[in-house]
Amino acid sequence: MNTQTLLNNVATINKDNGIFVNAKEFLKELRQVATAVAKPSDHRPNLTFVHVRVTENNLILEATDSHVLERANVAASIPDELVGKEFLIDGKFAKNLSKSPTKHGNHLGLYPQFSNGKYKGIISIVGGGEEFIDDSREDISVFGYPDLERVTPYLNDATVKFDVQQKEIFPVLKEIVKIVNKPGLTKEFKEVKKTEVVALLVKDNVVKLKYSNWEKDLEFPIAVTNIVVNDEFEINFNVKKLKQRLQHLSSRENLTFRFYQNAYRPFTISRENGGLGLVCPIRLY
């Protein structure tokens, strides 16, 4: 839903200090963002909030475990005094609220509380005749969460990029995951395969995924367009992480992959609707 349609729909609602969104759209994106990085890991912190940035006509929802970022945009009717503000929504609160997105009516009012321009850790969400309050004051020790500048590259800094449809890359990822999970592997391979490392190679206008099954290197070409690369580029990543990010997208959705400076910085996957996913590389040495 675009912003003007939303404004028309909430024209009769008192919008003082409130942010109004389409309930179904907001809760769908909120749940996807909240659950994208919710699985705990022994190797990285599990940061449990959804970070919300307020623009003139959109809310930008972001969640990260400090290594992987998930982002979505939602159209909103926003009072001028809240533009530029940012606030947090507890991950568990977000998931519980979005379990039944249709029961909260057509629109939700979001009322984050601020003091001297800083978020106080309290937000009220009103819809369907009910009010839901997320009070996370005791859990927010230092604002500035998450560390987005560190984990999010600037999109115009990409040194390598290409476009690809979901239907071209996702079946390849599924095939590799099957190989990774194949039964009967040697003990040594089972120990190593826990990382599920796959290499992506861009060279001479060709993109390949490379995976070693300890017998030989397997290569899987991918049909892509609009390649930009100055030299050979290779990056290692977790194949399951990338598969998770693409599995619920439309098969015909166009995606833009961007890679930054070297093989040790995160790469981004931009969607047609403005959504953004980020996957961090894996160092092998």
Protein backbone atom coordinates (compact mmCIF):
# COMPACT_ATOMS: atom_id res chain seq x y z
CA MET A 1 0.00 0.00 0.00
CA ASN A 2 1.38 3.44 -0.92
CA THR A 3 1.54 6.33 1.52
CA GLN A 4 -1.26 8.42 -0.04
CA THR A 5 -3.72 5.51 0.12
CA LEU A 6 -2.82 5.01 3.76
CA LEU A 7 -3.30 8.72 4.50
CA ASN A 8 -6.73 8.61 2.88
CA ASN A 9 -7.73 5.56 4.93
CA VAL A 10 -6.72 7.09 8.27
CA ALA A 11 -7.96 10.61 7.54
CA THR A 12 -10.64 10.36 10.21
CA ILE A 13 -8.32 9.07 12.93
CA ASN A 14 -6.68 11.32 15.52
CA LYS A 15 -3.06 11.22 14.47
CA ASP A 16 -1.57 13.32 17.30
CA ASN A 17 1.85 11.84 18.14
CA GLY A 18 0.84 8.55 16.51
CA ILE A 19 2.22 6.64 13.54
CA PHE A 20 -0.45 4.84 11.52
CA VAL A 21 0.20 1.80 9.35
CA ASN A 22 -1.77 -0.82 7.45
CA ALA A 23 -2.09 -3.54 10.09
CA LYS A 24 -1.70 -6.57 7.83
CA GLU A 25 1.28 -5.16 5.94
CA PHE A 26 3.08 -3.91 9.04
CA LEU A 27 2.60 -7.09 11.07
CA LYS A 28 3.66 -9.31 8.17
CA GLU A 29 6.93 -7.41 7.71
CA LEU A 30 7.48 -7.07 11.46
CA ARG A 31 7.24 -10.83 11.96
CA GLN A 32 9.55 -11.61 9.05
CA VAL A 33 12.18 -9.18 10.28
CA ALA A 34 11.85 -10.28 13.91
CA THR A 35 12.23 -13.99 13.13
CA ALA A 36 14.98 -13.65 10.50
CA VAL A 37 17.76 -13.43 13.07
CA ALA A 38 16.04 -14.99 16.08
CA LYS A 39 17.93 -18.29 16.15
CA PRO A 40 20.63 -18.22 18.85
CA SER A 41 24.20 -19.00 17.95
CA ASP A 42 27.25 -20.05 19.91
CA HIS A 43 29.41 -17.79 17.76
CA ARG A 44 27.60 -14.44 17.87
CA PRO A 45 25.29 -12.46 20.14
CA ASN A 46 21.55 -12.89 19.74
CA LEU A 47 20.23 -9.31 19.70
CA THR A 48 16.52 -9.52 20.27
CA PHE A 49 14.99 -6.21 19.17
CA VAL A 50 13.55 -4.87 15.94
CA HIS A 51 15.02 -1.43 15.27
CA VAL A 52 12.60 1.05 13.64
CA ARG A 53 13.71 4.19 11.79
CA VAL A 54 11.08 6.82 11.00
CA THR A 55 11.22 8.68 7.67
CA GLU A 56 8.72 11.13 6.17
CA ASN A 57 6.40 8.43 4.85
CA ASN A 58 7.94 5.07 5.77
CA LEU A 59 9.04 2.96 8.68
CA ILE A 60 12.27 1.07 8.12
CA LEU A 61 12.27 -2.16 10.14
CA GLU A 62 15.65 -3.75 10.83
CA ALA A 63 16.92 -6.65 12.92
CA THR A 64 20.41 -8.03 13.29
CA ASP A 65 22.38 -10.53 15.32
CA SER A 66 25.39 -8.26 14.59
CA HIS A 67 26.44 -10.43 11.65
CA VAL A 68 23.30 -10.71 9.53
CA LEU A 69 20.81 -7.92 8.83
CA GLU A 70 17.20 -8.12 7.68
CA ARG A 71 15.37 -4.95 6.54
CA ALA A 72 11.90 -4.03 5.28
CA ASN A 73 10.03 -0.79 4.48
CA VAL A 74 6.40 -0.13 5.47
CA ALA A 75 4.34 2.87 4.32
CA ALA A 76 3.09 4.98 7.22
CA SER A 77 1.24 8.18 8.10
CA ILE A 78 3.74 10.04 10.31
CA PRO A 79 3.45 13.35 12.21
CA ASP A 80 6.25 15.81 11.45
CA GLU A 81 7.62 15.77 14.99
CA LEU A 82 8.43 12.04 14.78
CA VAL A 83 10.31 12.16 11.45
CA GLY A 84 13.93 11.21 12.04
CA LYS A 85 13.23 9.44 15.32
CA GLU A 86 14.08 5.79 16.00
CA PHE A 87 12.76 3.27 18.46
CA LEU A 88 12.88 -0.44 19.33
CA ILE A 89 10.30 -3.21 19.51
CA ASP A 90 11.10 -6.30 21.56
CA GLY A 91 11.44 -9.34 19.29
CA LYS A 92 9.17 -11.64 21.34
CA PHE A 93 6.55 -8.89 21.64
CA ALA A 94 6.73 -8.37 17.86
CA LYS A 95 6.27 -12.05 17.08
CA ASN A 96 3.35 -12.47 19.51
CA LEU A 97 1.60 -9.37 18.18
CA SER A 98 1.93 -10.52 14.57
CA LYS A 99 0.65 -14.08 15.06
CA SER A 100 -2.88 -13.05 14.06
CA PRO A 101 -2.44 -10.00 11.81
CA THR A 102 -6.12 -9.79 10.82
CA LYS A 103 -7.60 -9.51 14.31
CA HIS A 104 -6.23 -6.01 14.95
CA GLY A 105 -8.41 -4.21 12.41
CA ASN A 106 -7.33 -2.50 9.21
CA HIS A 107 -4.91 -0.06 10.78
CA LEU A 108 -2.60 0.16 13.78
CA GLY A 109 -1.55 3.24 15.70
CA LEU A 110 2.03 3.19 17.03
CA TYR A 111 2.82 5.46 19.97
CA PRO A 112 6.52 5.33 20.94
CA GLN A 113 7.47 7.46 23.96
CA PHE A 114 10.40 9.87 23.84
CA SER A 115 12.13 12.09 26.39
CA ASN A 116 14.39 14.90 25.18
CA GLY A 117 14.35 13.32 21.73
CA LYS A 118 15.50 9.89 22.97
CA TYR A 119 13.40 6.73 22.98
CA LYS A 120 12.29 5.80 26.52
CA GLY A 121 11.84 2.08 25.81
CA ILE A 122 8.03 2.15 25.83
CA ILE A 123 5.69 1.84 22.86
CA SER A 124 1.91 1.42 22.75
CA ILE A 125 0.31 -0.23 19.73
CA VAL A 126 -3.44 0.30 19.32
CA GLY A 127 -5.70 -1.62 16.95
CA GLY A 128 -8.96 -3.56 16.88
CA GLY A 129 -10.15 -1.84 20.05
CA GLU A 130 -7.16 -3.10 22.07
CA GLU A 131 -3.92 -1.55 23.32
CA PHE A 132 -0.66 -3.52 23.50
CA ILE A 133 2.27 -2.08 25.46
CA ASP A 134 5.90 -3.06 25.02
CA ASP A 135 7.89 -1.80 28.01
CA SER A 136 11.54 -2.68 27.46
CA ARG A 137 13.16 0.02 29.60
CA GLU A 138 15.11 -2.42 31.75
CA ASP A 139 16.46 -4.32 28.73
CA ILE A 140 17.75 -1.29 26.79
CA SER A 141 21.02 -0.28 28.38
CA VAL A 142 22.62 1.73 25.56
CA PHE A 143 20.69 3.16 22.64
CA GLY A 144 22.25 2.99 19.20
CA TYR A 145 21.24 -0.64 18.74
CA PRO A 146 21.92 -2.23 16.39
CA ASP A 147 25.36 -1.32 15.09
CA LEU A 148 24.04 -0.76 11.58
CA GLU A 149 27.01 1.21 10.27
CA ARG A 150 29.28 -1.74 10.91
CA VAL A 151 27.10 -4.44 9.40
CA THR A 152 25.46 -2.49 6.55
CA PRO A 153 27.51 -1.44 3.54
CA TYR A 154 26.54 1.68 1.63
CA LEU A 155 24.78 0.46 -1.51
CA ASN A 156 26.65 2.83 -3.84
CA ASP A 157 30.04 1.55 -2.66
CA ALA A 158 29.66 -1.82 -4.39
CA THR A 159 32.67 -2.88 -6.47
CA VAL A 160 31.03 -6.07 -7.79
CA LYS A 161 27.34 -6.58 -8.50
CA PHE A 162 24.87 -8.53 -10.64
CA ASP A 163 21.11 -9.08 -11.03
CA VAL A 164 19.43 -12.46 -10.83
CA GLN A 165 15.91 -13.85 -10.53
CA GLN A 166 15.06 -15.97 -7.51
CA LYS A 167 14.22 -18.93 -9.77
CA GLU A 168 17.77 -18.96 -11.16
CA ILE A 169 19.69 -19.07 -7.90
CA PHE A 170 17.36 -20.69 -5.34
CA PRO A 171 17.22 -24.18 -6.96
CA VAL A 172 21.03 -24.20 -6.99
CA LEU A 173 21.15 -23.35 -3.28
CA LYS A 174 18.64 -26.15 -2.56
CA GLU A 175 20.76 -28.65 -4.50
CA ILE A 176 23.90 -27.70 -2.60
CA VAL A 177 22.11 -27.94 0.76
CA LYS A 178 21.01 -31.48 -0.19
CA ILE A 179 24.64 -32.38 -0.84
CA VAL A 180 25.71 -30.83 2.47
CA ASN A 181 23.11 -32.91 4.33
CA LYS A 182 23.76 -36.11 2.41
CA PRO A 183 23.91 -39.14 4.75
CA GLY A 184 26.87 -41.48 4.85
CA LEU A 185 29.57 -38.81 4.91
CA THR A 186 32.90 -39.55 6.52
CA LYS A 187 33.51 -38.45 10.10
CA GLU A 188 36.08 -35.91 8.97
CA PHE A 189 33.68 -34.36 6.47
CA LYS A 190 30.86 -34.20 9.00
CA GLU A 191 33.10 -32.17 11.31
CA VAL A 192 34.03 -29.71 8.56
CA LYS A 193 30.60 -29.45 6.97
CA LYS A 194 29.09 -27.79 10.02
CA THR A 195 30.04 -24.43 8.51
CA GLU A 196 28.26 -25.24 5.21
CA VAL A 197 30.75 -23.06 3.38
CA VAL A 198 30.15 -22.31 -0.30
CA ALA A 199 32.16 -20.02 -2.54
CA LEU A 200 30.65 -17.57 -5.02
CA LEU A 201 32.91 -16.74 -7.97
CA VAL A 202 32.45 -13.85 -10.40
CA LYS A 203 34.77 -13.88 -13.42
CA ASP A 204 34.51 -12.89 -17.08
CA ASN A 205 30.77 -12.14 -16.85
CA VAL A 206 30.11 -15.59 -15.36
CA VAL A 207 28.81 -16.31 -11.86
CA LYS A 208 29.31 -19.72 -10.25
CA LEU A 209 28.72 -21.31 -6.88
CA LYS A 210 31.52 -23.70 -5.90
CA TYR A 211 31.33 -26.42 -3.29
CA SER A 212 33.77 -29.19 -2.34
CA ASN A 213 32.39 -32.60 -1.38
CA TRP A 214 35.90 -33.88 -0.57
CA GLU A 215 35.97 -35.93 -3.74
CA LYS A 216 35.98 -33.04 -6.20
CA ASP A 217 35.03 -29.40 -6.50
CA LEU A 218 31.47 -29.00 -7.75
CA GLU A 219 30.58 -25.92 -9.80
CA PHE A 220 27.08 -24.58 -10.41
CA PRO A 221 26.74 -21.77 -13.00
CA ILE A 222 23.96 -19.22 -12.41
CA ALA A 223 22.19 -17.22 -15.11
CA VAL A 224 22.61 -13.55 -14.17
CA THR A 225 22.46 -10.16 -15.86
CA ASN A 226 24.06 -6.70 -15.53
CA ILE A 227 27.37 -7.97 -14.13
CA VAL A 228 29.86 -5.37 -12.94
CA VAL A 229 33.31 -6.72 -12.04
CA ASN A 230 36.80 -5.41 -12.71
CA ASP A 231 38.65 -8.60 -11.95
CA GLU A 232 38.05 -12.07 -10.60
CA PHE A 233 36.12 -11.95 -7.32
CA GLU A 234 35.45 -14.79 -4.87
CA ILE A 235 33.70 -14.83 -1.51
CA ASN A 236 32.82 -17.62 0.96
CA PHE A 237 29.48 -17.73 2.78
CA ASN A 238 27.04 -20.00 4.63
CA VAL A 239 24.77 -21.57 2.01
CA LYS A 240 21.93 -22.17 4.47
CA LYS A 241 21.86 -18.52 5.50
CA LEU A 242 21.42 -17.41 1.90
CA LYS A 243 18.82 -20.11 1.19
CA GLN A 244 16.76 -18.96 4.19
CA ARG A 245 16.74 -15.41 2.87
CA LEU A 246 15.48 -16.35 -0.57
CA GLN A 247 13.11 -19.24 0.08
CA HIS A 248 9.92 -17.22 0.61
CA LEU A 249 10.39 -14.84 -2.33
CA SER A 250 8.52 -15.03 -5.62
CA SER A 251 10.37 -17.13 -8.19
CA ARG A 252 10.26 -14.23 -10.65
CA GLU A 253 11.44 -11.57 -8.23
CA ASN A 254 14.53 -9.73 -9.42
CA LEU A 255 17.37 -9.46 -6.93
CA THR A 256 20.51 -7.35 -7.01
CA PHE A 257 23.59 -8.79 -5.32
CA ARG A 258 26.26 -6.28 -4.30
CA PHE A 259 29.75 -6.98 -2.95
CA TYR A 260 31.99 -4.43 -1.27
CA GLN A 261 35.74 -3.81 -1.57
CA ASN A 262 36.91 -7.25 -0.54
CA ALA A 263 35.77 -10.73 0.42
CA TYR A 264 35.67 -9.90 4.15
CA ARG A 265 32.80 -7.41 4.07
CA PRO A 266 29.07 -8.35 4.05
CA PHE A 267 27.19 -8.55 0.77
CA THR A 268 23.65 -7.31 0.23
CA ILE A 269 20.63 -8.68 -1.63
CA SER A 270 18.27 -5.88 -2.68
CA ARG A 271 14.68 -6.75 -3.61
CA GLU A 272 12.37 -5.06 -6.09
CA ASN A 273 10.12 -3.83 -3.27
CA GLY A 274 12.98 -2.10 -1.48
CA GLY A 275 13.63 -4.87 1.05
CA LEU A 276 17.24 -5.65 1.91
CA GLY A 277 18.95 -8.79 3.16
CA LEU A 278 22.58 -9.02 4.21
CA VAL A 279 24.88 -12.04 4.49
CA CYS A 280 28.33 -11.96 6.04
CA PRO A 281 31.29 -13.80 4.54
CA ILE A 282 33.13 -16.66 6.20
CA ARG A 283 36.90 -16.49 6.60
CA LEU A 284 38.73 -19.70 5.86
CA TYR A 285 42.05 -18.44 7.22
